[in-house]
Amino acid sequence: MSNEDVRVICFYLPQFHPIPENDAAWGKGYTEWRRVVQARPHFADHYQPRISADLGFYDLRLEETQIAQAELAKQYGVAGFCYYYFSLGGGRKLLERPINQMFANKKPDYPFCVAWANHHWRANWIGSAEAIAMQTYSEEDARDLIDDLIPMFKDDRYIKVDGKPLFVVYDTRALPDPLKYSEIYRSRAKAAGLDDLYLCRMEKEAVLDPKSIGFDASIEFPPSGVRSVTLDVEPLDPTSGFKGRVNDYEQTAFYAINRADIGFDLIRGVMPSWDNTARRPADDATIFHNASPEAYESWLAEAVDWTKKNRKGEERLVFVNAWNEWGESAYLEPDLRHGHKYLEATQRVLKGQSGDRFKSISNASYELNKTELRHSSGKTLQPSKKIVGSIDQIEKRDDKICISGWGCDQEAASEPLHVLIFEDSKPITVDRTFVYRPDVAKSVAPGATRAGFYVEFKLSMLSRPDCANLKVVLVSPPGKFALLPVPAKV
């Protein structure tokens, strides 16, 4: 591997084998496959159930299964698996057999690292917060955790960053004293002869500088903490309890790709899809609709490109959530609908063969000089009278500015537009058209059903609170733009 390479690592769920705790809660021989195959669609074009293809309904007690998974991942360029490690405190563990047998048998010969899944084992399958097994904390447990993992850290297959084993903590917020715990982790590793650890926290809802708690980097973990918009859909069964509100995967990818610089060490994360219908009751399911191999490829390509520009050497990592989270529809493993398409998309990105396959969610970086608009690639965009739109309202709400309106390219009415907000030539934020506007489709262009936009940003981002110098620009993917008239007063 050269220093220019980006390593894509997939989170790996060791759930698919029976354990006594699940037997007691759900019946003898329970694995999550039981729920996966029972999932049903809630609305038209809702992709459920998810059926595994090449690997079948596997059992992770079988070494052959883990070898087949690793061979498949390696074939498409995935650099390794990050195994969830369920250590509950007091010496109690769950789901440890797959990683233990992989380590003991030296098979598969494939890079791996560990993410400590420090959370309760809950009865989420019936929509309950009841804990089947409780996670507890103590400094002694923190020492024991690292001591248990030291032999794995020293394995030649273990993923390292500049010689330091990569160790991930799922939820640092739950630690009684994160800074103290990070010191314990590092001191135990050094006492065992290691130079140090490369400590990462998974970025849940809270955005936090990892250095403030003694960690090296934060890993994006979509869908946790991501921004999205909701789509209203018609339930197939009005009596099911399904509320008919789902998230838009494409819009989520757009927001993630165009995330503002947060000023600390960040490792980008991508999800191929997300839908936990199999795990949750109908009234509690979280679904990201419009997921596709093409949208995933664009998200991953932007994450890899960002990583090449902003990270160095072995810190060039991107995480995918996940390799095999079938209960949450977050997997790269082949299924009956898409086959190897997600894996092929991953391979194209890593080989630099993607190109602009899904421009509607590509990174939007522009410079505005009076009425001239230039893309970061150096291309100057052309003004177009075919791009039309209007600002319906600009208003202040507490500490935010909210702008609503619509826009469409009459020559490509069904394509989303980028909505760029500038103060003079200073870029403020970027969004895109996504709001349903049947009035625009009826009066302007039949394909412009999602021509509306709604943009929010903090008032503190402006130099003048009267918004007098605001400019709103609509950009069409082919490389055209138009300036929208902005009301004189807000």
Protein backbone atom coordinates (compact mmCIF):
# COMPACT_ATOMS: atom_id res chain seq x y z
CA MET A 1 0.00 0.00 0.00
CA SER A 2 1.33 3.45 -0.91
CA ASN A 3 0.83 6.56 1.19
CA GLU A 4 -1.60 7.80 -1.46
CA ASP A 5 -4.01 4.91 -0.96
CA VAL A 6 -7.21 5.26 1.05
CA ARG A 7 -8.17 2.24 3.12
CA VAL A 8 -11.91 1.51 3.21
CA ILE A 9 -12.82 -0.41 6.37
CA CYS A 10 -16.24 -1.92 7.04
CA PHE A 11 -17.88 -2.29 10.42
CA TYR A 12 -18.63 -5.98 10.97
CA LEU A 13 -21.49 -7.39 13.06
CA PRO A 14 -20.71 -10.78 14.71
CA GLN A 15 -24.41 -11.38 15.37
CA PHE A 16 -25.26 -14.29 13.09
CA HIS A 17 -24.89 -17.28 15.41
CA PRO A 18 -26.90 -18.42 18.43
CA ILE A 19 -25.93 -17.27 21.93
CA PRO A 20 -27.55 -18.13 25.29
CA GLU A 21 -28.77 -14.56 25.89
CA ASN A 22 -30.68 -14.47 22.60
CA ASP A 23 -31.95 -18.02 23.11
CA ALA A 24 -33.43 -16.95 26.46
CA ALA A 25 -35.01 -13.79 25.06
CA TRP A 26 -36.24 -14.99 21.65
CA GLY A 27 -36.25 -18.78 21.59
CA LYS A 28 -33.79 -21.56 20.93
CA GLY A 29 -31.51 -21.07 17.94
CA TYR A 30 -32.39 -17.40 17.44
CA THR A 31 -30.23 -15.33 15.09
CA GLU A 32 -31.11 -12.06 13.40
CA TRP A 33 -31.82 -13.87 10.12
CA ARG A 34 -35.21 -14.75 11.64
CA ARG A 35 -36.18 -11.08 11.74
CA VAL A 36 -34.53 -10.20 8.43
CA VAL A 37 -36.62 -12.61 6.38
CA GLN A 38 -39.85 -11.64 8.18
CA ALA A 39 -39.63 -7.93 7.28
CA ARG A 40 -42.36 -6.63 4.98
CA PRO A 41 -42.68 -3.46 2.85
CA HIS A 42 -44.56 -0.51 4.36
CA PHE A 43 -45.12 1.51 1.16
CA ALA A 44 -44.79 1.22 -2.61
CA ASP A 45 -41.22 0.50 -3.75
CA HIS A 46 -40.11 -0.14 -0.17
CA TYR A 47 -37.36 -2.75 -0.51
CA GLN A 48 -38.17 -5.46 2.02
CA PRO A 49 -37.39 -8.20 2.82
CA ARG A 50 -33.62 -8.19 2.18
CA ILE A 51 -32.46 -11.63 1.04
CA SER A 52 -28.79 -12.60 1.10
CA ALA A 53 -27.44 -13.95 -2.21
CA ASP A 54 -23.93 -15.42 -2.53
CA LEU A 55 -23.28 -16.08 1.17
CA GLY A 56 -26.79 -17.27 2.05
CA PHE A 57 -28.13 -17.24 5.60
CA TYR A 58 -24.75 -17.98 7.08
CA ASP A 59 -23.66 -19.09 10.55
CA LEU A 60 -20.60 -17.28 11.89
CA ARG A 61 -19.59 -20.30 13.92
CA LEU A 62 -18.32 -21.72 10.62
CA GLU A 63 -14.79 -20.74 9.70
CA GLU A 64 -15.69 -21.22 6.04
CA THR A 65 -18.17 -18.34 6.27
CA GLN A 66 -15.62 -15.87 7.58
CA ILE A 67 -13.12 -16.93 4.94
CA ALA A 68 -15.71 -16.46 2.16
CA GLN A 69 -16.59 -12.98 3.51
CA ALA A 70 -12.95 -11.92 3.59
CA GLU A 71 -12.26 -13.24 0.10
CA LEU A 72 -15.25 -11.33 -1.26
CA ALA A 73 -14.25 -8.10 0.48
CA LYS A 74 -10.64 -8.43 -0.65
CA GLN A 75 -11.72 -9.08 -4.24
CA TYR A 76 -13.40 -5.64 -4.38
CA GLY A 77 -10.71 -3.69 -2.54
CA VAL A 78 -12.15 -3.43 0.98
CA ALA A 79 -9.10 -3.04 3.24
CA GLY A 80 -10.44 -4.78 6.34
CA PHE A 81 -13.21 -5.43 8.85
CA CYS A 82 -13.78 -3.58 12.12
CA TYR A 83 -15.37 -6.17 14.42
CA TYR A 84 -17.82 -5.01 17.06
CA TYR A 85 -16.51 -6.28 20.40
CA PHE A 86 -19.15 -6.69 23.10
CA SER A 87 -17.39 -6.50 26.46
CA LEU A 88 -20.00 -5.62 29.08
CA GLY A 89 -17.85 -5.24 32.18
CA GLY A 90 -17.09 -7.66 34.98
CA GLY A 91 -15.53 -10.05 32.49
CA ARG A 92 -18.81 -10.66 30.65
CA LYS A 93 -18.82 -10.78 26.84
CA LEU A 94 -21.33 -11.36 24.04
CA LEU A 95 -20.95 -12.52 20.43
CA GLU A 96 -17.22 -13.03 20.88
CA ARG A 97 -16.94 -16.38 19.09
CA PRO A 98 -16.37 -15.13 15.50
CA ILE A 99 -13.54 -12.77 16.39
CA ASN A 100 -11.98 -15.21 18.85
CA GLN A 101 -11.89 -18.06 16.34
CA MET A 102 -10.63 -15.74 13.59
CA PHE A 103 -7.79 -14.68 15.87
CA ALA A 104 -6.97 -18.14 17.24
CA ASN A 105 -7.07 -19.96 13.88
CA LYS A 106 -5.30 -17.20 11.92
CA LYS A 107 -8.09 -17.49 9.35
CA PRO A 108 -9.07 -15.59 7.39
CA ASP A 109 -5.73 -13.96 6.63
CA TYR A 110 -7.33 -10.56 6.33
CA PRO A 111 -6.83 -7.19 8.10
CA PHE A 112 -9.06 -6.44 11.07
CA CYS A 113 -9.49 -4.07 13.99
CA VAL A 114 -11.89 -3.74 16.92
CA ALA A 115 -14.70 -1.35 17.86
CA TRP A 116 -15.78 -1.68 21.48
CA ALA A 117 -19.60 -1.79 21.34
CA ASN A 118 -20.15 -0.23 24.76
CA HIS A 119 -23.91 -0.28 24.98
CA HIS A 120 -26.63 -2.38 26.60
CA TRP A 121 -27.92 -5.40 24.69
CA ARG A 122 -31.55 -4.33 24.31
CA ALA A 123 -34.83 -5.84 23.20
CA ASN A 124 -35.09 -3.47 20.23
CA TRP A 125 -36.74 -6.17 18.14
CA ILE A 126 -40.06 -5.53 19.91
CA GLY A 127 -39.56 -1.79 20.27
CA SER A 128 -38.53 -2.09 23.90
CA ALA A 129 -35.68 -0.29 25.66
CA GLU A 130 -35.41 -3.15 28.14
CA ALA A 131 -31.84 -4.39 28.49
CA ILE A 132 -31.23 -8.11 28.06
CA ALA A 133 -27.63 -7.57 29.21
CA MET A 134 -26.34 -4.42 30.90
CA GLN A 135 -23.16 -2.54 30.07
CA THR A 136 -21.25 -1.44 33.19
CA TYR A 137 -18.12 0.67 33.67
CA SER A 138 -15.14 0.79 35.99
CA GLU A 139 -11.49 1.69 35.64
CA GLU A 140 -10.63 -1.93 36.36
CA ASP A 141 -12.84 -3.02 33.46
CA ALA A 142 -11.11 -0.45 31.25
CA ARG A 143 -7.73 -1.99 32.07
CA ASP A 144 -9.06 -5.51 31.56
CA LEU A 145 -10.57 -4.57 28.19
CA ILE A 146 -7.24 -3.44 26.78
CA ASP A 147 -5.38 -6.35 28.38
CA ASP A 148 -7.80 -8.77 26.68
CA LEU A 149 -7.17 -7.09 23.33
CA ILE A 150 -3.37 -6.78 23.56
CA PRO A 151 -2.75 -10.15 21.83
CA MET A 152 -4.97 -9.02 18.93
CA PHE A 153 -3.24 -5.63 18.78
CA LYS A 154 0.05 -7.49 18.27
CA ASP A 155 -1.34 -9.69 15.48
CA ASP A 156 0.26 -9.02 12.09
CA ARG A 157 -3.21 -8.70 10.57
CA TYR A 158 -4.35 -5.99 12.97
CA ILE A 159 -4.97 -2.62 11.28
CA LYS A 160 -2.54 0.03 12.46
CA VAL A 161 -1.94 3.73 11.84
CA ASP A 162 1.76 4.59 11.87
CA GLY A 163 2.44 1.46 13.89
CA LYS A 164 -0.32 2.13 16.43
CA PRO A 165 -3.25 -0.35 16.65
CA LEU A 166 -6.54 1.27 15.64
CA PHE A 167 -9.04 0.98 18.51
CA VAL A 168 -12.55 2.42 18.20
CA VAL A 169 -15.02 3.23 20.99
CA TYR A 170 -18.68 3.18 19.96
CA ASP A 171 -20.02 5.74 22.45
CA THR A 172 -17.52 7.88 24.33
CA ARG A 173 -20.39 9.87 25.87
CA ALA A 174 -21.27 6.84 27.98
CA LEU A 175 -17.82 6.64 29.56
CA PRO A 176 -17.79 7.98 33.16
CA ASP A 177 -14.62 9.99 32.40
CA PRO A 178 -13.56 9.73 28.72
CA LEU A 179 -10.24 11.54 29.22
CA LYS A 180 -9.30 9.26 32.13
CA TYR A 181 -10.32 6.17 30.19
CA SER A 182 -8.24 7.21 27.17
CA GLU A 183 -5.24 7.55 29.49
CA ILE A 184 -5.90 4.05 30.84
CA TYR A 185 -6.15 2.59 27.34
CA ARG A 186 -2.87 4.15 26.26
CA SER A 187 -0.98 3.29 29.45
CA ARG A 188 -2.03 -0.38 29.30
CA ALA A 189 -0.98 -0.60 25.66
CA LYS A 190 2.42 0.95 26.41
CA ALA A 191 2.90 -1.33 29.42
CA ALA A 192 2.43 -4.28 27.05
CA GLY A 193 5.22 -3.05 24.78
CA LEU A 194 3.20 -1.11 22.18
CA ASP A 195 4.22 2.43 21.23
CA ASP A 196 0.65 3.68 21.65
CA LEU A 197 -2.91 3.25 20.35
CA TYR A 198 -4.66 5.17 17.59
CA LEU A 199 -7.90 5.94 19.44
CA CYS A 200 -11.07 6.81 17.53
CA ARG A 201 -14.53 7.72 18.72
CA MET A 202 -17.60 7.06 16.62
CA GLU A 203 -19.43 10.31 15.99
CA LYS A 204 -22.93 9.75 17.29
CA GLU A 205 -25.31 12.70 17.75
CA ALA A 206 -22.70 14.86 19.54
CA VAL A 207 -19.98 16.61 17.52
CA LEU A 208 -16.88 16.69 19.70
CA ASP A 209 -13.20 17.41 19.19
CA PRO A 210 -11.62 14.01 19.91
CA LYS A 211 -8.46 15.65 21.25
CA SER A 212 -10.51 17.10 24.13
CA ILE A 213 -11.01 13.58 25.52
CA GLY A 214 -7.61 12.19 24.63
CA PHE A 215 -8.65 10.51 21.36
CA ASP A 216 -6.96 10.89 17.98
CA ALA A 217 -9.91 11.14 15.58
CA SER A 218 -13.68 10.98 15.19
CA ILE A 219 -15.35 8.60 12.73
CA GLU A 220 -18.54 9.68 11.01
CA PHE A 221 -21.19 7.05 11.67
CA PRO A 222 -24.24 7.59 9.47
CA PRO A 223 -27.12 7.60 10.02
CA SER A 224 -26.21 8.80 13.55
CA GLY A 225 -25.93 12.55 13.62
CA VAL A 226 -26.73 13.06 9.93
CA ARG A 227 -29.01 15.72 8.56
CA SER A 228 -31.82 14.67 6.24
CA VAL A 229 -35.28 15.53 5.03
CA THR A 230 -38.42 13.47 5.29
CA LEU A 231 -40.59 12.13 2.51
CA ASP A 232 -44.27 11.48 3.00
CA VAL A 233 -45.38 8.15 1.57
CA GLU A 234 -48.67 6.28 1.56
CA PRO A 235 -48.70 3.23 3.88
CA LEU A 236 -49.66 -0.01 2.16
CA ASP A 237 -51.53 -1.07 5.31
CA PRO A 238 -53.17 1.84 7.19
CA THR A 239 -53.63 -0.43 10.22
CA SER A 240 -49.96 -1.40 10.53
CA GLY A 241 -48.98 1.58 12.69
CA PHE A 242 -46.49 2.83 10.08
CA LYS A 243 -46.62 6.64 10.09
CA GLY A 244 -45.65 7.15 6.46
CA ARG A 245 -42.59 9.33 7.07
CA VAL A 246 -39.21 8.23 5.75
CA ASN A 247 -35.85 9.92 5.19
CA ASP A 248 -34.33 10.73 1.80
CA TYR A 249 -31.02 8.88 1.33
CA GLU A 250 -29.91 11.09 -1.56
CA GLN A 251 -30.46 14.27 0.43
CA THR A 252 -28.62 12.78 3.42
CA ALA A 253 -25.67 11.97 1.18
CA PHE A 254 -25.72 15.51 -0.20
CA TYR A 255 -25.58 17.04 3.27
CA ALA A 256 -22.81 14.67 4.35
CA ILE A 257 -20.72 15.39 1.26
CA ASN A 258 -21.08 19.14 1.70
CA ARG A 259 -20.50 19.17 5.45
CA ALA A 260 -18.68 22.28 6.64
CA ASP A 261 -15.14 21.93 7.96
CA ILE A 262 -15.38 21.24 11.70
CA GLY A 263 -11.77 21.94 12.55
CA PHE A 264 -10.64 18.62 14.02
CA ASP A 265 -9.36 15.23 12.89
CA LEU A 266 -12.23 13.52 11.11
CA ILE A 267 -12.52 10.15 9.41
CA ARG A 268 -15.31 10.09 6.86
CA GLY A 269 -18.07 7.50 7.08
CA VAL A 270 -20.59 6.27 4.50
CA MET A 271 -23.61 3.98 4.65
CA PRO A 272 -24.73 1.97 1.60
CA SER A 273 -28.34 1.98 2.79
CA TRP A 274 -30.37 2.11 6.00
CA ASP A 275 -33.72 0.59 6.93
CA ASN A 276 -34.23 -1.07 10.30
CA THR A 277 -37.74 -2.34 9.52
CA ALA A 278 -36.56 -5.87 10.37
CA ARG A 279 -35.52 -4.77 13.87
CA ARG A 280 -38.29 -2.37 14.80
CA PRO A 281 -42.08 -2.26 15.01
CA ALA A 282 -43.81 -0.43 12.15
CA ASP A 283 -44.31 2.74 14.21
CA ASP A 284 -40.64 2.91 15.19
CA ALA A 285 -38.77 2.03 11.99
CA THR A 286 -36.19 4.40 10.51
CA ILE A 287 -36.00 4.19 6.72
CA PHE A 288 -33.77 6.00 4.22
CA HIS A 289 -35.50 5.74 0.86
CA ASN A 290 -33.88 6.28 -2.57
CA ALA A 291 -30.70 4.43 -1.60
CA SER A 292 -28.98 2.94 -4.64
CA PRO A 293 -25.53 1.69 -5.66
CA GLU A 294 -25.13 4.87 -7.74
CA ALA A 295 -25.90 7.23 -4.85
CA TYR A 296 -23.64 5.22 -2.54
CA GLU A 297 -20.86 5.36 -5.13
CA SER A 298 -21.03 9.14 -5.32
CA TRP A 299 -21.02 9.47 -1.51
CA LEU A 300 -18.07 7.10 -1.18
CA ALA A 301 -16.17 8.76 -4.03
CA GLU A 302 -16.53 12.18 -2.40
CA ALA A 303 -15.45 10.73 0.98
CA VAL A 304 -12.37 9.16 -0.59
CA ASP A 305 -11.53 12.33 -2.51
CA TRP A 306 -11.89 14.45 0.65
CA THR A 307 -9.68 12.00 2.54
CA LYS A 308 -6.92 12.22 -0.07
CA LYS A 309 -6.97 16.01 0.23
CA ASN A 310 -7.27 16.31 4.01
CA ARG A 311 -5.57 13.26 5.56
CA LYS A 312 -2.04 11.96 5.28
CA GLY A 313 -0.36 8.57 5.02
CA GLU A 314 -1.95 5.77 7.04
CA GLU A 315 -4.51 8.18 8.48
CA ARG A 316 -6.27 8.01 5.11
CA LEU A 317 -9.18 5.87 6.27
CA VAL A 318 -12.86 5.76 5.30
CA PHE A 319 -15.39 3.63 7.21
CA VAL A 320 -18.48 2.00 5.74
CA ASN A 321 -21.46 1.22 7.94
CA ALA A 322 -21.48 -1.69 7.37
CA TRP A 323 -20.37 -4.98 5.85
CA ASN A 324 -23.23 -7.11 7.16
CA GLU A 325 -25.84 -5.19 9.19
CA TRP A 326 -28.72 -7.04 7.55
CA GLY A 327 -31.24 -6.09 10.25
CA GLU A 328 -30.61 -2.44 9.38
CA SER A 329 -30.22 -2.95 5.60
CA ALA A 330 -26.68 -1.55 5.90
CA TYR A 331 -24.50 -4.07 4.10
CA LEU A 332 -22.15 -4.48 1.15
CA GLU A 333 -22.65 -8.24 0.96
CA PRO A 334 -24.57 -9.34 -2.17
CA ASP A 335 -28.36 -9.55 -2.05
CA LEU A 336 -30.94 -10.79 -4.55
CA ARG A 337 -31.85 -7.33 -5.86
CA HIS A 338 -28.46 -5.70 -6.37
CA GLY A 339 -26.07 -8.64 -6.51
CA HIS A 340 -22.50 -7.31 -6.45
CA LYS A 341 -23.39 -3.73 -7.49
CA TYR A 342 -22.46 -2.11 -4.17
CA LEU A 343 -19.15 -3.98 -4.14
CA GLU A 344 -18.49 -3.05 -7.76
CA ALA A 345 -19.20 0.60 -6.89
CA THR A 346 -16.68 0.36 -4.05
CA GLN A 347 -14.07 -1.09 -6.39
CA ARG A 348 -14.62 1.64 -9.02
CA VAL A 349 -14.13 4.34 -6.39
CA LEU A 350 -10.92 2.79 -5.08
CA LYS A 351 -9.55 2.42 -8.61
CA GLY A 352 -10.47 6.00 -9.49
CA GLN A 353 -12.91 4.89 -12.17
CA SER A 354 -16.14 6.46 -10.92
CA GLY A 355 -16.30 9.76 -12.76
CA ASP A 356 -19.43 11.87 -12.30
CA ARG A 357 -21.91 9.05 -12.01
CA PHE A 358 -24.43 10.80 -9.79
CA LYS A 359 -24.01 14.53 -10.11
CA SER A 360 -27.04 15.53 -8.06
CA ILE A 361 -25.20 14.79 -4.82
CA SER A 362 -21.67 15.66 -5.89
CA ASN A 363 -19.60 18.12 -3.88
CA ALA A 364 -20.64 21.71 -4.54
CA SER A 365 -17.71 24.12 -4.22
CA TYR A 366 -18.11 27.42 -6.06
CA GLU A 367 -16.70 30.95 -6.19
CA LEU A 368 -18.89 33.93 -7.04
CA ASN A 369 -17.32 37.08 -8.47
CA LYS A 370 -20.05 39.63 -9.07
CA THR A 371 -22.14 37.73 -11.66
CA GLU A 372 -19.51 35.16 -12.65
CA LEU A 373 -19.67 31.69 -11.08
CA ARG A 374 -16.72 29.29 -11.10
CA HIS A 375 -16.55 25.70 -9.88
CA SER A 376 -13.56 24.57 -7.79
CA SER A 377 -12.45 22.51 -10.80
CA GLY A 378 -11.73 25.80 -12.58
CA LYS A 379 -14.74 25.62 -14.89
CA THR A 380 -16.70 28.85 -15.42
CA LEU A 381 -20.44 28.24 -15.49
CA GLN A 382 -22.72 29.92 -17.99
CA PRO A 383 -25.84 31.92 -17.02
CA SER A 384 -29.06 30.44 -18.35
CA LYS A 385 -32.53 31.86 -18.85
CA LYS A 386 -33.85 28.30 -18.78
CA ILE A 387 -33.16 28.14 -15.04
CA VAL A 388 -36.10 29.80 -13.36
CA GLY A 389 -37.22 30.18 -9.78
CA SER A 390 -38.30 32.46 -6.99
CA ILE A 391 -37.61 33.19 -3.33
CA ASP A 392 -40.90 32.89 -1.49
CA GLN A 393 -39.68 34.05 1.89
CA ILE A 394 -36.59 35.05 3.88
CA GLU A 395 -37.10 35.33 7.62
CA LYS A 396 -35.19 35.39 10.88
CA ARG A 397 -36.02 32.73 13.47
CA ASP A 398 -34.14 33.07 16.73
CA ASP A 399 -30.47 32.82 15.68
CA LYS A 400 -31.15 31.47 12.17
CA ILE A 401 -31.94 32.72 8.69
CA CYS A 402 -34.51 30.63 6.80
CA ILE A 403 -34.94 30.91 3.03
CA SER A 404 -37.66 29.10 1.11
CA GLY A 405 -38.45 29.09 -2.59
CA TRP A 406 -38.28 27.02 -5.73
CA GLY A 407 -36.20 26.59 -8.86
CA CYS A 408 -35.85 24.33 -11.86
CA ASP A 409 -33.94 23.97 -15.09
CA GLN A 410 -36.65 23.82 -17.76
CA GLU A 411 -34.33 21.73 -19.93
CA ALA A 412 -33.84 19.15 -17.14
CA ALA A 413 -36.82 19.76 -14.88
CA SER A 414 -36.61 16.50 -12.90
CA GLU A 415 -32.95 17.05 -11.91
CA PRO A 416 -32.25 18.64 -8.51
CA LEU A 417 -30.50 22.01 -8.52
CA HIS A 418 -27.80 23.19 -6.14
CA VAL A 419 -28.94 26.18 -4.09
CA LEU A 420 -25.92 28.34 -3.19
CA ILE A 421 -26.10 31.12 -0.62
CA PHE A 422 -23.47 33.87 -0.70
CA GLU A 423 -22.96 37.11 1.19
CA ASP A 424 -21.42 39.15 -1.60
CA SER A 425 -18.74 36.69 -2.76
CA LYS A 426 -18.41 34.84 0.56
CA PRO A 427 -19.98 31.34 0.45
CA ILE A 428 -22.39 30.73 3.34
CA THR A 429 -24.01 27.37 2.71
CA VAL A 430 -25.22 24.99 0.02
CA ASP A 431 -28.41 23.00 -0.31
CA ARG A 432 -30.45 21.57 -3.15
CA THR A 433 -34.03 21.47 -4.37
CA PHE A 434 -35.93 18.59 -2.83
CA VAL A 435 -39.29 19.87 -1.51
CA TYR A 436 -42.44 18.70 -3.31
CA ARG A 437 -43.94 21.57 -5.33
CA PRO A 438 -46.83 20.30 -7.47
CA ASP A 439 -47.69 23.92 -8.29
CA VAL A 440 -44.34 24.34 -10.05
CA ALA A 441 -44.79 21.06 -11.91
CA LYS A 442 -48.22 22.22 -13.07
CA SER A 443 -47.35 25.76 -14.12
CA VAL A 444 -43.64 25.69 -15.07
CA ALA A 445 -42.44 22.21 -16.06
CA PRO A 446 -44.18 18.84 -15.63
CA GLY A 447 -41.06 17.10 -14.28
CA ALA A 448 -40.35 19.67 -11.56
CA THR A 449 -42.25 17.91 -8.80
CA ARG A 450 -39.41 18.37 -6.27
CA ALA A 451 -38.42 21.89 -7.22
CA GLY A 452 -38.78 23.51 -3.79
CA PHE A 453 -36.01 24.32 -1.35
CA TYR A 454 -35.75 25.31 2.29
CA VAL A 455 -32.37 26.51 3.56
CA GLU A 456 -31.37 27.32 7.13
CA PHE A 457 -28.10 28.73 8.43
CA LYS A 458 -26.93 30.59 11.53
CA LEU A 459 -27.28 34.36 11.56
CA SER A 460 -23.76 34.58 12.99
CA MET A 461 -22.39 33.43 9.62
CA LEU A 462 -23.31 36.83 8.14
CA SER A 463 -21.32 40.04 8.61
CA ARG A 464 -24.53 42.11 8.37
CA PRO A 465 -27.69 40.96 10.16
CA ASP A 466 -29.97 42.81 7.72
CA CYS A 467 -29.16 40.25 4.97
CA ALA A 468 -28.69 43.12 2.53
CA ASN A 469 -25.83 41.46 0.69
CA LEU A 470 -27.33 37.99 0.34
CA LYS A 471 -27.20 36.31 -3.04
CA VAL A 472 -29.05 33.11 -3.97
CA VAL A 473 -27.72 31.11 -6.91
CA LEU A 474 -29.31 28.10 -8.61
CA VAL A 475 -26.92 25.68 -10.34
CA SER A 476 -27.93 22.95 -12.77
CA PRO A 477 -25.69 19.83 -13.03
CA PRO A 478 -24.81 20.41 -16.72
CA GLY A 479 -22.96 23.56 -15.64
CA LYS A 480 -25.47 26.40 -15.89
CA PHE A 481 -26.64 28.86 -13.25
CA ALA A 482 -29.03 31.71 -12.49
CA LEU A 483 -29.17 34.40 -9.80
CA LEU A 484 -32.49 34.74 -8.01
CA PRO A 485 -33.77 38.20 -7.05
CA VAL A 486 -33.52 38.66 -3.27
CA PRO A 487 -36.14 40.76 -1.42
CA ALA A 488 -34.83 44.14 -0.33
CA LYS A 489 -35.77 43.67 3.32
CA VAL A 490 -35.92 40.73 5.72
